[in-house]
Amino acid sequence: MNHPSIYPRIFGSVESLLSALELRDPYSRFHCDRAVRLAMELGDACGIVDSDLDHLRISARFHDIGKIGIPDDVLLKPARLTDNEWETMKSHSELGE
């Protein structure tokens, strides 16, 4: 069964949400771009079909979206994080979910 690609239809929404994250943490854009490239290469190597590659691409782009909920003093801290700050940072996956 041939499914039309969902990615072009939701691309604007995806980019809007990711732009919100970029405003908080400019590093995230480059990190997400690398994660997407790696995910797509892996998906290709595994023979994943186009419609599933779209899902993989979106998932890779959103893997750090929970960082929007991390306080600036932790997210943007230039120095090493304390144990408590690291626990806060690790919570971004649950926030994103």
Protein backbone atom coordinates (compact mmCIF):
# COMPACT_ATOMS: atom_id res chain seq x y z
CA MET A 1 0.00 0.00 0.00
CA ASN A 2 1.43 3.37 -0.99
CA HIS A 3 0.89 6.08 1.65
CA PRO A 4 1.38 9.75 0.81
CA SER A 5 4.17 11.39 2.74
CA ILE A 6 2.97 13.11 5.91
CA TYR A 7 6.10 15.19 6.32
CA PRO A 8 5.28 17.96 3.80
CA ARG A 9 1.83 18.40 5.36
CA ILE A 10 3.13 18.94 8.87
CA PHE A 11 6.49 20.50 8.06
CA GLY A 12 5.33 24.01 9.05
CA SER A 13 4.17 22.84 12.47
CA VAL A 14 7.38 20.90 13.03
CA GLU A 15 9.51 23.89 12.10
CA SER A 16 7.49 26.26 14.32
CA LEU A 17 7.97 24.08 17.39
CA LEU A 18 11.65 23.59 16.65
CA SER A 19 12.07 27.35 16.19
CA ALA A 20 10.75 27.81 19.73
CA LEU A 21 13.44 25.45 21.00
CA GLU A 22 16.13 27.21 18.96
CA LEU A 23 15.23 30.52 20.56
CA ARG A 24 15.95 28.96 23.94
CA ASP A 25 19.01 26.96 22.91
CA PRO A 26 20.72 27.79 19.59
CA TYR A 27 22.95 24.70 19.87
CA SER A 28 19.86 22.49 19.55
CA ARG A 29 19.34 23.26 15.87
CA PHE A 30 22.76 21.95 14.87
CA HIS A 31 22.44 18.99 17.19
CA CYS A 32 19.00 18.10 15.77
CA ASP A 33 20.26 18.48 12.21
CA ARG A 34 23.02 15.97 12.96
CA ALA A 35 20.57 13.61 14.67
CA VAL A 36 18.29 13.72 11.60
CA ARG A 37 21.19 13.02 9.23
CA LEU A 38 22.33 10.05 11.28
CA ALA A 39 18.79 8.71 11.68
CA MET A 40 18.14 8.96 7.94
CA GLU A 41 21.41 7.21 7.08
CA LEU A 42 20.58 4.45 9.53
CA GLY A 43 17.02 4.19 8.22
CA ASP A 44 18.31 3.96 4.65
CA ALA A 45 20.83 1.30 5.62
CA CYS A 46 18.04 -0.69 7.28
CA GLY A 47 15.81 -0.44 4.20
CA ILE A 48 13.07 1.57 5.88
CA VAL A 49 10.36 2.69 3.43
CA ASP A 50 9.72 6.37 2.64
CA SER A 51 6.62 6.83 4.80
CA ASP A 52 8.46 5.37 7.80
CA LEU A 53 11.50 7.51 7.00
CA ASP A 54 9.22 10.53 7.35
CA HIS A 55 8.25 9.38 10.83
CA LEU A 56 11.89 8.75 11.66
CA ARG A 57 12.86 12.22 10.43
CA ILE A 58 10.17 13.88 12.54
CA SER A 59 11.10 11.83 15.60
CA ALA A 60 14.76 12.72 15.25
CA ARG A 61 13.91 16.43 14.91
CA PHE A 62 11.78 16.30 18.06
CA HIS A 63 14.03 14.18 20.25
CA ASP A 64 15.09 17.19 22.38
CA ILE A 65 11.86 19.23 22.26
CA GLY A 66 11.46 18.82 26.04
CA LYS A 67 14.40 21.17 26.52
CA ILE A 68 11.87 23.97 26.08
CA GLY A 69 10.83 23.20 29.67
CA ILE A 70 14.33 23.25 31.16
CA PRO A 71 15.14 26.44 33.14
CA ASP A 72 17.60 28.78 31.41
CA ASP A 73 20.07 28.64 34.30
CA VAL A 74 20.46 24.90 33.60
CA LEU A 75 19.92 24.74 29.84
CA LEU A 76 22.30 27.57 29.03
CA LYS A 77 24.86 27.08 31.78
CA PRO A 78 28.34 27.41 30.27
CA ALA A 79 30.01 25.42 33.04
CA ARG A 80 29.71 21.83 34.16
CA LEU A 81 26.30 20.95 35.61
CA THR A 82 25.92 19.95 39.23
CA ASP A 83 24.33 16.58 40.01
CA ASN A 84 20.96 18.29 40.64
CA GLU A 85 21.21 20.33 37.44
CA TRP A 86 22.08 17.20 35.48
CA GLU A 87 18.97 15.49 36.87
CA THR A 88 16.94 18.50 35.73
CA MET A 89 18.52 18.34 32.27
CA LYS A 90 17.82 14.62 31.96
CA SER A 91 14.13 15.31 32.62
CA HIS A 92 13.81 16.89 29.15
CA SER A 93 12.92 13.52 27.63
CA GLU A 94 9.93 13.14 29.94
CA LEU A 95 8.93 16.77 29.37
CA GLY A 96 9.07 16.20 25.62
CA GLU A 97 6.93 13.10 25.87
